[in-house]
PDB file of N, CA and C in Angstrom:
ATOM      1  N   MET A   1      79.530 -50.724 -59.316  1.00  0.00           N
ATOM      2  CA  MET A   1      80.051 -52.054 -59.568  1.00  0.00           C
ATOM      3  C   MET A   1      79.347 -53.046 -58.627  1.00  0.00           C
ATOM      4  N   GLU A   2      79.321 -54.306 -59.073  1.00  0.00           N
ATOM      5  CA  GLU A   2      78.678 -55.360 -58.303  1.00  0.00           C
ATOM      6  C   GLU A   2      79.626 -56.539 -58.132  1.00  0.00           C
ATOM      7  N   ILE A   3      79.440 -57.263 -57.032  1.00  0.00           N
ATOM      8  CA  ILE A   3      80.151 -58.516 -56.787  1.00  0.00           C
ATOM      9  C   ILE A   3      79.114 -59.561 -56.421  1.00  0.00           C
ATOM     10  N   LEU A   4      79.533 -60.827 -56.389  1.00  0.00           N
ATOM     11  CA  LEU A   4      78.661 -61.897 -55.936  1.00  0.00           C
ATOM     12  C   LEU A   4      79.144 -62.377 -54.570  1.00  0.00           C
ATOM     13  N   ALA A   5      78.211 -62.472 -53.640  1.00  0.00           N
ATOM     14  CA  ALA A   5      78.502 -62.938 -52.286  1.00  0.00           C
ATOM     15  C   ALA A   5      77.575 -64.104 -51.970  1.00  0.00           C
ATOM     16  N   GLY A   6      78.039 -65.010 -51.137  1.00  0.00           N
ATOM     17  CA  GLY A   6      77.222 -66.143 -50.727  1.00  0.00           C
ATOM     18  C   GLY A   6      77.790 -66.765 -49.475  1.00  0.00           C
ATOM     19  N   ASN A   7      77.289 -67.948 -49.161  1.00  0.00           N
ATOM     20  CA  ASN A   7      77.802 -68.715 -48.027  1.00  0.00           C
ATOM     21  C   ASN A   7      78.191 -70.098 -48.497  1.00  0.00           C
ATOM     22  N   GLU A   8      79.356 -70.567 -48.048  1.00  0.00           N
ATOM     23  CA  GLU A   8      79.816 -71.916 -48.356  1.00  0.00           C
ATOM     24  C   GLU A   8      79.018 -72.863 -47.472  1.00  0.00           C
ATOM     25  N   LEU A   9      78.404 -73.868 -48.071  1.00  0.00           N
ATOM     26  CA  LEU A   9      77.459 -74.723 -47.369  1.00  0.00           C
ATOM     27  C   LEU A   9      78.048 -75.455 -46.173  1.00  0.00           C
ATOM     28  N   THR A  10      79.222 -76.068 -46.309  1.00  0.00           N
ATOM     29  CA  THR A  10      79.724 -76.901 -45.216  1.00  0.00           C
ATOM     30  C   THR A  10      80.258 -76.117 -44.031  1.00  0.00           C
ATOM     31  N   SER A  11      80.724 -74.897 -44.231  1.00  0.00           N
ATOM     32  CA  SER A  11      81.256 -74.119 -43.113  1.00  0.00           C
ATOM     33  C   SER A  11      80.362 -72.951 -42.726  1.00  0.00           C
ATOM     34  N   GLY A  12      79.536 -72.497 -43.654  1.00  0.00           N
ATOM     35  CA  GLY A  12      78.688 -71.338 -43.402  1.00  0.00           C
ATOM     36  C   GLY A  12      79.386 -70.009 -43.609  1.00  0.00           C
ATOM     37  N   THR A  13      80.652 -70.030 -43.988  1.00  0.00           N
ATOM     38  CA  THR A  13      81.401 -68.782 -44.107  1.00  0.00           C
ATOM     39  C   THR A  13      80.951 -67.936 -45.282  1.00  0.00           C
ATOM     40  N   ALA A  14      81.123 -66.627 -45.140  1.00  0.00           N
ATOM     41  CA  ALA A  14      80.836 -65.690 -46.233  1.00  0.00           C
ATOM     42  C   ALA A  14      81.931 -65.848 -47.282  1.00  0.00           C
ATOM     43  N   VAL A  15      81.524 -65.974 -48.535  1.00  0.00           N
ATOM     44  CA  VAL A  15      82.475 -66.139 -49.636  1.00  0.00           C
ATOM     45  C   VAL A  15      82.099 -65.216 -50.790  1.00  0.00           C
ATOM     46  N   TYR A  16      83.096 -64.964 -51.655  1.00  0.00           N
ATOM     47  CA  TYR A  16      82.943 -64.043 -52.781  1.00  0.00           C
ATOM     48  C   TYR A  16      83.524 -64.689 -54.029  1.00  0.00           C
ATOM     49  N   LEU A  17      82.845 -64.510 -55.156  1.00  0.00           N
ATOM     50  CA  LEU A  17      83.329 -65.041 -56.423  1.00  0.00           C
ATOM     51  C   LEU A  17      84.510 -64.197 -56.885  1.00  0.00           C
ATOM     52  N   ASP A  18      85.644 -64.862 -57.193  1.00  0.00           N
ATOM     53  CA  ASP A  18      86.827 -64.105 -57.617  1.00  0.00           C
ATOM     54  C   ASP A  18      86.929 -64.041 -59.137  1.00  0.00           C
ATOM     55  N   ARG A  19      87.968 -63.405 -59.618  1.00  0.00           N
ATOM     56  CA  ARG A  19      88.172 -63.195 -61.058  1.00  0.00           C
ATOM     57  C   ARG A  19      88.375 -64.486 -61.838  1.00  0.00           C
ATOM     58  N   HIS A  20      88.727 -65.572 -61.144  1.00  0.00           N
ATOM     59  CA  HIS A  20      88.990 -66.855 -61.792  1.00  0.00           C
ATOM     60  C   HIS A  20      87.797 -67.805 -61.719  1.00  0.00           C
ATOM     61  N   GLY A  21      86.689 -67.332 -61.171  1.00  0.00           N
ATOM     62  CA  GLY A  21      85.487 -68.160 -61.069  1.00  0.00           C
ATOM     63  C   GLY A  21      85.467 -69.052 -59.848  1.00  0.00           C
ATOM     64  N   ASN A  22      86.346 -68.792 -58.886  1.00  0.00           N
ATOM     65  CA  ASN A  22      86.389 -69.565 -57.639  1.00  0.00           C
ATOM     66  C   ASN A  22      85.772 -68.752 -56.510  1.00  0.00           C
ATOM     67  N   TRP A  23      85.222 -69.448 -55.543  1.00  0.00           N
ATOM     68  CA  TRP A  23      84.659 -68.789 -54.371  1.00  0.00           C
ATOM     69  C   TRP A  23      85.705 -68.811 -53.271  1.00  0.00           C
ATOM     70  N   GLY A  24      85.947 -67.667 -52.651  1.00  0.00           N
ATOM     71  CA  GLY A  24      86.934 -67.561 -51.590  1.00  0.00           C
ATOM     72  C   GLY A  24      86.513 -66.539 -50.554  1.00  0.00           C
ATOM     73  N   GLU A  25      87.288 -66.442 -49.499  1.00  0.00           N
ATOM     74  CA  GLU A  25      86.948 -65.581 -48.376  1.00  0.00           C
ATOM     75  C   GLU A  25      87.284 -64.110 -48.576  1.00  0.00           C
ATOM     76  N   SER A  26      88.109 -63.782 -49.543  1.00  0.00           N
ATOM     77  CA  SER A  26      88.585 -62.414 -49.681  1.00  0.00           C
ATOM     78  C   SER A  26      87.638 -61.529 -50.479  1.00  0.00           C
ATOM     79  N   LEU A  27      87.040 -60.578 -49.804  1.00  0.00           N
ATOM     80  CA  LEU A  27      86.215 -59.584 -50.478  1.00  0.00           C
ATOM     81  C   LEU A  27      87.063 -58.792 -51.471  1.00  0.00           C
ATOM     82  N   GLN A  28      88.307 -58.523 -51.112  1.00  0.00           N
ATOM     83  CA  GLN A  28      89.174 -57.718 -51.965  1.00  0.00           C
ATOM     84  C   GLN A  28      89.557 -58.426 -53.267  1.00  0.00           C
ATOM     85  N   ALA A  29      89.441 -59.749 -53.310  1.00  0.00           N
ATOM     86  CA  ALA A  29      89.753 -60.506 -54.525  1.00  0.00           C
ATOM     87  C   ALA A  29      88.512 -60.751 -55.388  1.00  0.00           C
ATOM     88  N   ALA A  30      87.362 -60.221 -54.962  1.00  0.00           N
ATOM     89  CA  ALA A  30      86.106 -60.465 -55.672  1.00  0.00           C
ATOM     90  C   ALA A  30      86.126 -59.875 -57.074  1.00  0.00           C
ATOM     91  N   ARG A  31      85.511 -60.604 -57.993  1.00  0.00           N
ATOM     92  CA  ARG A  31      85.350 -60.101 -59.358  1.00  0.00           C
ATOM     93  C   ARG A  31      84.293 -59.020 -59.347  1.00  0.00           C
ATOM     94  N   MET A  32      84.592 -57.902 -59.966  1.00  0.00           N
ATOM     95  CA  MET A  32      83.612 -56.830 -60.077  1.00  0.00           C
ATOM     96  C   MET A  32      82.921 -56.938 -61.438  1.00  0.00           C
ATOM     97  N   PHE A  33      81.611 -56.839 -61.417  1.00  0.00           N
ATOM     98  CA  PHE A  33      80.801 -56.873 -62.623  1.00  0.00           C
ATOM     99  C   PHE A  33      80.270 -55.473 -62.886  1.00  0.00           C
ATOM    100  N   GLY A  34      80.446 -55.007 -64.111  1.00  0.00           N
ATOM    101  CA  GLY A  34      79.883 -53.723 -64.510  1.00  0.00           C
ATOM    102  C   GLY A  34      78.430 -53.901 -64.919  1.00  0.00           C
ATOM    103  N   LYS A  35      77.743 -52.804 -65.104  1.00  0.00           N
ATOM    104  CA  LYS A  35      76.331 -52.843 -65.505  1.00  0.00           C
ATOM    105  C   LYS A  35      76.136 -53.572 -66.829  1.00  0.00           C
ATOM    106  N   ASP A  36      77.148 -53.566 -67.705  1.00  0.00           N
ATOM    107  CA  ASP A  36      77.051 -54.223 -69.006  1.00  0.00           C
ATOM    108  C   ASP A  36      77.410 -55.709 -68.949  1.00  0.00           C
ATOM    109  N   GLU A  37      77.667 -56.235 -67.765  1.00  0.00           N
ATOM    110  CA  GLU A  37      78.056 -57.643 -67.608  1.00  0.00           C
ATOM    111  C   GLU A  37      76.999 -58.483 -66.897  1.00  0.00           C
ATOM    112  N   ALA A  38      75.741 -58.085 -67.001  1.00  0.00           N
ATOM    113  CA  ALA A  38      74.652 -58.799 -66.328  1.00  0.00           C
ATOM    114  C   ALA A  38      74.555 -60.253 -66.782  1.00  0.00           C
ATOM    115  N   GLU A  39      74.782 -60.501 -68.070  1.00  0.00           N
ATOM    116  CA  GLU A  39      74.694 -61.874 -68.580  1.00  0.00           C
ATOM    117  C   GLU A  39      75.789 -62.756 -67.968  1.00  0.00           C
ATOM    118  N   ALA A  40      77.002 -62.251 -67.881  1.00  0.00           N
ATOM    119  CA  ALA A  40      78.108 -63.008 -67.269  1.00  0.00           C
ATOM    120  C   ALA A  40      77.852 -63.218 -65.781  1.00  0.00           C
ATOM    121  N   ARG A  41      77.349 -62.186 -65.113  1.00  0.00           N
ATOM    122  CA  ARG A  41      77.041 -62.284 -63.683  1.00  0.00           C
ATOM    123  C   ARG A  41      75.963 -63.337 -63.433  1.00  0.00           C
ATOM    124  N   ASP A  42      74.896 -63.284 -64.215  1.00  0.00           N
ATOM    125  CA  ASP A  42      73.807 -64.238 -64.040  1.00  0.00           C
ATOM    126  C   ASP A  42      74.240 -65.655 -64.383  1.00  0.00           C
ATOM    127  N   GLY A  43      75.125 -65.814 -65.367  1.00  0.00           N
ATOM    128  CA  GLY A  43      75.673 -67.133 -65.695  1.00  0.00           C
ATOM    129  C   GLY A  43      76.507 -67.685 -64.549  1.00  0.00           C
ATOM    130  N   ALA A  44      77.277 -66.820 -63.891  1.00  0.00           N
ATOM    131  CA  ALA A  44      78.085 -67.249 -62.745  1.00  0.00           C
ATOM    132  C   ALA A  44      77.193 -67.669 -61.580  1.00  0.00           C
ATOM    133  N   ILE A  45      76.087 -66.967 -61.394  1.00  0.00           N
ATOM    134  CA  ILE A  45      75.137 -67.337 -60.339  1.00  0.00           C
ATOM    135  C   ILE A  45      74.552 -68.717 -60.623  1.00  0.00           C
ATOM    136  N   ALA A  46      74.097 -68.934 -61.854  1.00  0.00           N
ATOM    137  CA  ALA A  46      73.491 -70.221 -62.225  1.00  0.00           C
ATOM    138  C   ALA A  46      74.485 -71.365 -62.081  1.00  0.00           C
ATOM    139  N   ALA A  47      75.718 -71.162 -62.539  1.00  0.00           N
ATOM    140  CA  ALA A  47      76.733 -72.217 -62.436  1.00  0.00           C
ATOM    141  C   ALA A  47      77.057 -72.526 -60.985  1.00  0.00           C
ATOM    142  N   SER A  48      77.112 -71.504 -60.146  1.00  0.00           N
ATOM    143  CA  SER A  48      77.426 -71.709 -58.735  1.00  0.00           C
ATOM    144  C   SER A  48      76.296 -72.429 -58.014  1.00  0.00           C
ATOM    145  N   LYS A  49      75.061 -72.053 -58.313  1.00  0.00           N
ATOM    146  CA  LYS A  49      73.912 -72.715 -57.691  1.00  0.00           C
ATOM    147  C   LYS A  49      73.863 -74.186 -58.068  1.00  0.00           C
ATOM    148  N   ALA A  50      74.263 -74.507 -59.290  1.00  0.00           N
ATOM    149  CA  ALA A  50      74.221 -75.883 -59.767  1.00  0.00           C
ATOM    150  C   ALA A  50      75.161 -76.797 -58.983  1.00  0.00           C
ATOM    151  N   THR A  51      76.223 -76.252 -58.393  1.00  0.00           N
ATOM    152  CA  THR A  51      77.161 -77.085 -57.632  1.00  0.00           C
ATOM    153  C   THR A  51      76.599 -77.491 -56.283  1.00  0.00           C
ATOM    154  N   GLY A  52      75.676 -76.701 -55.736  1.00  0.00           N
ATOM    155  CA  GLY A  52      75.122 -76.994 -54.416  1.00  0.00           C
ATOM    156  C   GLY A  52      76.076 -76.636 -53.283  1.00  0.00           C
ATOM    157  N   ARG A  53      77.240 -76.122 -53.587  1.00  0.00           N
ATOM    158  CA  ARG A  53      78.242 -75.807 -52.555  1.00  0.00           C
ATOM    159  C   ARG A  53      78.059 -74.405 -51.981  1.00  0.00           C
ATOM    160  N   ILE A  54      77.568 -73.476 -52.786  1.00  0.00           N
ATOM    161  CA  ILE A  54      77.384 -72.094 -52.353  1.00  0.00           C
ATOM    162  C   ILE A  54      75.890 -71.808 -52.277  1.00  0.00           C
ATOM    163  N   VAL A  55      75.454 -71.263 -51.138  1.00  0.00           N
ATOM    164  CA  VAL A  55      74.039 -70.961 -50.929  1.00  0.00           C
ATOM    165  C   VAL A  55      73.877 -69.477 -50.628  1.00  0.00           C
ATOM    166  N   GLY A  56      72.664 -69.001 -50.769  1.00  0.00           N
ATOM    167  CA  GLY A  56      72.362 -67.621 -50.439  1.00  0.00           C
ATOM    168  C   GLY A  56      73.119 -66.614 -51.288  1.00  0.00           C
ATOM    169  N   ILE A  57      73.283 -66.918 -52.561  1.00  0.00           N
ATOM    170  CA  ILE A  57      74.048 -66.026 -53.434  1.00  0.00           C
ATOM    171  C   ILE A  57      73.285 -64.719 -53.643  1.00  0.00           C
ATOM    172  N   GLU A  58      73.995 -63.609 -53.437  1.00  0.00           N
ATOM    173  CA  GLU A  58      73.405 -62.292 -53.613  1.00  0.00           C
ATOM    174  C   GLU A  58      74.320 -61.404 -54.436  1.00  0.00           C
ATOM    175  N   ILE A  59      73.710 -60.476 -55.127  1.00  0.00           N
ATOM    176  CA  ILE A  59      74.451 -59.452 -55.859  1.00  0.00           C
ATOM    177  C   ILE A  59      74.633 -58.283 -54.895  1.00  0.00           C
ATOM    178  N   GLU A  60      75.879 -57.902 -54.668  1.00  0.00           N
ATOM    179  CA  GLU A  60      76.177 -56.811 -53.737  1.00  0.00           C
ATOM    180  C   GLU A  60      76.821 -55.648 -54.479  1.00  0.00           C
ATOM    181  N   GLU A  61      76.360 -54.456 -54.203  1.00  0.00           N
ATOM    182  CA  GLU A  61      76.982 -53.263 -54.774  1.00  0.00           C
ATOM    183  C   GLU A  61      78.177 -52.875 -53.914  1.00  0.00           C
ATOM    184  N   VAL A  62      79.264 -52.527 -54.585  1.00  0.00           N
ATOM    185  CA  VAL A  62      80.483 -52.109 -53.895  1.00  0.00           C
ATOM    186  C   VAL A  62      81.016 -50.827 -54.511  1.00  0.00           C
ATOM    187  N   GLU A  63      81.818 -50.137 -53.715  1.00  0.00           N
ATOM    188  CA  GLU A  63      82.538 -48.958 -54.189  1.00  0.00           C
ATOM    189  C   GLU A  63      84.019 -49.287 -54.146  1.00  0.00           C
ATOM    190  N   ASP A  64      84.750 -48.785 -55.098  1.00  0.00           N
ATOM    191  CA  ASP A  64      86.205 -48.934 -55.107  1.00  0.00           C
ATOM    192  C   ASP A  64      86.796 -47.628 -54.582  1.00  0.00           C
ATOM    193  N   LEU A  65      87.286 -47.670 -53.342  1.00  0.00           N
ATOM    194  CA  LEU A  65      87.888 -46.492 -52.731  1.00  0.00           C
ATOM    195  C   LEU A  65      89.389 -46.692 -52.647  1.00  0.00           C
ATOM    196  N   ASN A  66      90.100 -46.049 -53.559  1.00  0.00           N
ATOM    197  CA  ASN A  66      91.567 -46.151 -53.602  1.00  0.00           C
ATOM    198  C   ASN A  66      92.046 -47.600 -53.678  1.00  0.00           C
ATOM    199  N   GLY A  67      91.386 -48.405 -54.520  1.00  0.00           N
ATOM    200  CA  GLY A  67      91.788 -49.791 -54.705  1.00  0.00           C
ATOM    201  C   GLY A  67      91.285 -50.745 -53.630  1.00  0.00           C
ATOM    202  N   HIS A  68      90.394 -50.277 -52.776  1.00  0.00           N
ATOM    203  CA  HIS A  68      89.856 -51.104 -51.691  1.00  0.00           C
ATOM    204  C   HIS A  68      88.341 -51.208 -51.869  1.00  0.00           C
ATOM    205  N   LEU A  69      87.820 -52.430 -51.984  1.00  0.00           N
ATOM    206  CA  LEU A  69      86.380 -52.622 -52.176  1.00  0.00           C
ATOM    207  C   LEU A  69      85.637 -52.448 -50.859  1.00  0.00           C
ATOM    208  N   ILE A  70      84.607 -51.613 -50.886  1.00  0.00           N
ATOM    209  CA  ILE A  70      83.771 -51.362 -49.715  1.00  0.00           C
ATOM    210  C   ILE A  70      82.320 -51.649 -50.102  1.00  0.00           C
ATOM    211  N   PRO A  71      81.680 -52.640 -49.443  1.00  0.00           N
ATOM    212  CA  PRO A  71      80.265 -52.901 -49.727  1.00  0.00           C
ATOM    213  C   PRO A  71      79.413 -51.695 -49.335  1.00  0.00           C
ATOM    214  N   LYS A  72      78.395 -51.427 -50.114  1.00  0.00           N
ATOM    215  CA  LYS A  72      77.506 -50.308 -49.806  1.00  0.00           C
ATOM    216  C   LYS A  72      76.595 -50.633 -48.625  1.00  0.00           C
ATOM    217  N   ARG A  73      76.209 -51.921 -48.489  1.00  0.00           N
ATOM    218  CA  ARG A  73      75.322 -52.302 -47.385  1.00  0.00           C
ATOM    219  C   ARG A  73      76.138 -52.641 -46.137  1.00  0.00           C
ATOM    220  N   MET A  74      75.692 -52.148 -44.993  1.00  0.00           N
ATOM    221  CA  MET A  74      76.347 -52.442 -43.723  1.00  0.00           C
ATOM    222  C   MET A  74      76.349 -53.948 -43.452  1.00  0.00           C
ATOM    223  N   ARG A  75      75.275 -54.630 -43.812  1.00  0.00           N
ATOM    224  CA  ARG A  75      75.180 -56.077 -43.599  1.00  0.00           C
ATOM    225  C   ARG A  75      76.371 -56.804 -44.232  1.00  0.00           C
ATOM    226  N   GLU A  76      76.718 -56.429 -45.461  1.00  0.00           N
ATOM    227  CA  GLU A  76      77.821 -57.101 -46.142  1.00  0.00           C
ATOM    228  C   GLU A  76      79.167 -56.690 -45.550  1.00  0.00           C
ATOM    229  N   ARG A  77      79.270 -55.484 -45.051  1.00  0.00           N
ATOM    230  CA  ARG A  77      80.505 -55.073 -44.367  1.00  0.00           C
ATOM    231  C   ARG A  77      80.743 -55.943 -43.144  1.00  0.00           C
ATOM    232  N   ILE A  78      79.676 -56.217 -42.395  1.00  0.00           N
ATOM    233  CA  ILE A  78      79.786 -57.071 -41.202  1.00  0.00           C
ATOM    234  C   ILE A  78      80.119 -58.499 -41.607  1.00  0.00           C
ATOM    235  N   ARG A  79      79.454 -59.027 -42.631  1.00  0.00           N
ATOM    236  CA  ARG A  79      79.737 -60.403 -43.085  1.00  0.00           C
ATOM    237  C   ARG A  79      81.194 -60.556 -43.509  1.00  0.00           C
ATOM    238  N   ALA A  80      81.747 -59.547 -44.161  1.00  0.00           N
ATOM    239  CA  ALA A  80      83.124 -59.608 -44.636  1.00  0.00           C
ATOM    240  C   ALA A  80      84.123 -59.553 -43.490  1.00  0.00           C
ATOM    241  N   ALA A  81      83.788 -58.833 -42.433  1.00  0.00           N
ATOM    242  CA  ALA A  81      84.722 -58.641 -41.321  1.00  0.00           C
ATOM    243  C   ALA A  81      84.564 -59.689 -40.222  1.00  0.00           C
ATOM    244  N   GLY A  82      83.382 -60.257 -40.082  1.00  0.00           N
ATOM    245  CA  GLY A  82      83.150 -61.235 -39.019  1.00  0.00           C
ATOM    246  C   GLY A  82      82.177 -60.701 -37.986  1.00  0.00           C
ATOM    247  N   PRO A  83      81.917 -61.486 -36.954  1.00  0.00           N
ATOM    248  CA  PRO A  83      80.921 -61.120 -35.943  1.00  0.00           C
ATOM    249  C   PRO A  83      81.225 -59.779 -35.284  1.00  0.00           C
ATOM    250  N   THR A  84      80.166 -59.103 -34.874  1.00  0.00           N
ATOM    251  CA  THR A  84      80.332 -57.845 -34.166  1.00  0.00           C
ATOM    252  C   THR A  84      80.470 -58.083 -32.666  1.00  0.00           C
ATOM    253  N   THR A  85      80.263 -59.309 -32.213  1.00  0.00           N
ATOM    254  CA  THR A  85      80.419 -59.646 -30.807  1.00  0.00           C
ATOM    255  C   THR A  85      81.899 -59.697 -30.464  1.00  0.00           C
ATOM    256  N   ILE A  86      82.315 -58.982 -29.461  1.00  0.00           N
ATOM    257  CA  ILE A  86      83.728 -58.949 -29.079  1.00  0.00           C
ATOM    258  C   ILE A  86      84.101 -60.200 -28.286  1.00  0.00           C
ATOM    259  N   ALA A  87      83.316 -60.550 -27.286  1.00  0.00           N
ATOM    260  CA  ALA A  87      83.637 -61.728 -26.475  1.00  0.00           C
ATOM    261  C   ALA A  87      82.383 -62.231 -25.772  1.00  0.00           C
ATOM    262  N   TRP A  88      82.379 -63.513 -25.469  1.00  0.00           N
ATOM    263  CA  TRP A  88      81.286 -64.139 -24.736  1.00  0.00           C
ATOM    264  C   TRP A  88      81.920 -65.108 -23.750  1.00  0.00           C
ATOM    265  N   ASN A  89      81.692 -64.893 -22.482  1.00  0.00           N
ATOM    266  CA  ASN A  89      82.285 -65.729 -21.429  1.00  0.00           C
ATOM    267  C   ASN A  89      83.796 -65.851 -21.592  1.00  0.00           C
ATOM    268  N   GLY A  90      84.440 -64.749 -21.933  1.00  0.00           N
ATOM    269  CA  GLY A  90      85.894 -64.734 -22.061  1.00  0.00           C
ATOM    270  C   GLY A  90      86.440 -65.264 -23.367  1.00  0.00           C
ATOM    271  N   LYS A  91      85.574 -65.758 -24.246  1.00  0.00           N
ATOM    272  CA  LYS A  91      86.019 -66.296 -25.529  1.00  0.00           C
ATOM    273  C   LYS A  91      85.734 -65.281 -26.632  1.00  0.00           C
ATOM    274  N   THR A  92      86.735 -64.978 -27.439  1.00  0.00           N
ATOM    275  CA  THR A  92      86.577 -64.056 -28.555  1.00  0.00           C
ATOM    276  C   THR A  92      86.240 -64.844 -29.809  1.00  0.00           C
ATOM    277  N   PHE A  93      85.270 -64.353 -30.550  1.00  0.00           N
ATOM    278  CA  PHE A  93      84.848 -65.011 -31.774  1.00  0.00           C
ATOM    279  C   PHE A  93      85.364 -64.244 -32.974  1.00  0.00           C
ATOM    280  N   GLY A  94      85.890 -64.969 -33.946  1.00  0.00           N
ATOM    281  CA  GLY A  94      86.357 -64.360 -35.183  1.00  0.00           C
ATOM    282  C   GLY A  94      85.489 -64.801 -36.338  1.00  0.00           C
ATOM    283  N   ARG A  95      85.874 -64.426 -37.500  1.00  0.00           N
ATOM    284  CA  ARG A  95      85.172 -64.782 -38.730  1.00  0.00           C
ATOM    285  C   ARG A  95      85.336 -66.277 -38.992  1.00  0.00           C
ATOM    286  N   GLN A  96      84.271 -66.937 -39.445  1.00  0.00           N
ATOM    287  CA  GLN A  96      84.377 -68.339 -39.824  1.00  0.00           C
ATOM    288  C   GLN A  96      85.215 -68.458 -41.084  1.00  0.00           C
ATOM    289  N   HIS A  97      85.849 -69.608 -41.251  1.00  0.00           N
ATOM    290  CA  HIS A  97      86.666 -69.844 -42.433  1.00  0.00           C
ATOM    291  C   HIS A  97      86.195 -71.090 -43.160  1.00  0.00           C
ATOM    292  N   LEU A  98      86.527 -71.194 -44.424  1.00  0.00           N
ATOM    293  CA  LEU A  98      86.115 -72.334 -45.231  1.00  0.00           C
ATOM    294  C   LEU A  98      86.533 -73.657 -44.593  1.00  0.00           C
ATOM    295  N   ASP A  99      85.564 -74.543 -44.441  1.00  0.00           N
ATOM    296  CA  ASP A  99      85.788 -75.889 -43.919  1.00  0.00           C
ATOM    297  C   ASP A  99      86.477 -75.929 -42.562  1.00  0.00           C
ATOM    298  N   GLU A 100      86.409 -74.837 -41.802  1.00  0.00           N
ATOM    299  CA  GLU A 100      87.089 -74.788 -40.512  1.00  0.00           C
ATOM    300  C   GLU A 100      86.507 -75.779 -39.511  1.00  0.00           C
ATOM    301  N   ASP A 101      85.171 -75.809 -39.414  1.00  0.00           N
ATOM    302  CA  ASP A 101      84.589 -76.661 -38.394  1.00  0.00           C
ATOM    303  C   ASP A 101      83.577 -77.676 -38.919  1.00  0.00           C
ATOM    304  N   GLY A 102      83.446 -77.775 -40.242  1.00  0.00           N
ATOM    305  CA  GLY A 102      82.668 -78.841 -40.849  1.00  0.00           C
ATOM    306  C   GLY A 102      81.173 -78.803 -40.623  1.00  0.00           C
ATOM    307  N   HIS A 103      80.620 -77.683 -40.224  1.00  0.00           N
ATOM    308  CA  HIS A 103      79.154 -77.615 -40.069  1.00  0.00           C
ATOM    309  C   HIS A 103      78.657 -76.257 -40.530  1.00  0.00           C
ATOM    310  N   VAL A 104      77.347 -76.186 -40.696  1.00  0.00           N
ATOM    311  CA  VAL A 104      76.717 -74.969 -41.135  1.00  0.00           C
ATOM    312  C   VAL A 104      76.257 -74.195 -39.907  1.00  0.00           C
ATOM    313  N   SER A 105      76.593 -72.915 -39.845  1.00  0.00           N
ATOM    314  CA  SER A 105      76.158 -72.074 -38.733  1.00  0.00           C
ATOM    315  C   SER A 105      74.651 -71.871 -38.771  1.00  0.00           C
ATOM    316  N   ILE A 106      74.056 -71.809 -37.593  1.00  0.00           N
ATOM    317  CA  ILE A 106      72.631 -71.491 -37.507  1.00  0.00           C
ATOM    318  C   ILE A 106      72.403 -70.400 -36.489  1.00  0.00           C
TER     319      ILE A 106
END
């Protein structure tokens, strides 16, 4: 199965296309596309790119383990969970959220 992942432009957060055609932070709410749904998947990519709000859209392979989506690539597992850095100068960093700080991470 495949899902669509990207980054929301204004916050930089990792987002996933859900079953209703909206982009949100929950990997578990992501719409899964089967191999026979390439046309629908590609249409969703084109429509999302046209808005200019979601960048870096990628097709990610996932496994459904007991109703829980697990990305096959470690990179996407990290993006879904947040930074791997525990703390820096006593400050703990968490996952960015939509429109949380109004800028794009670099």
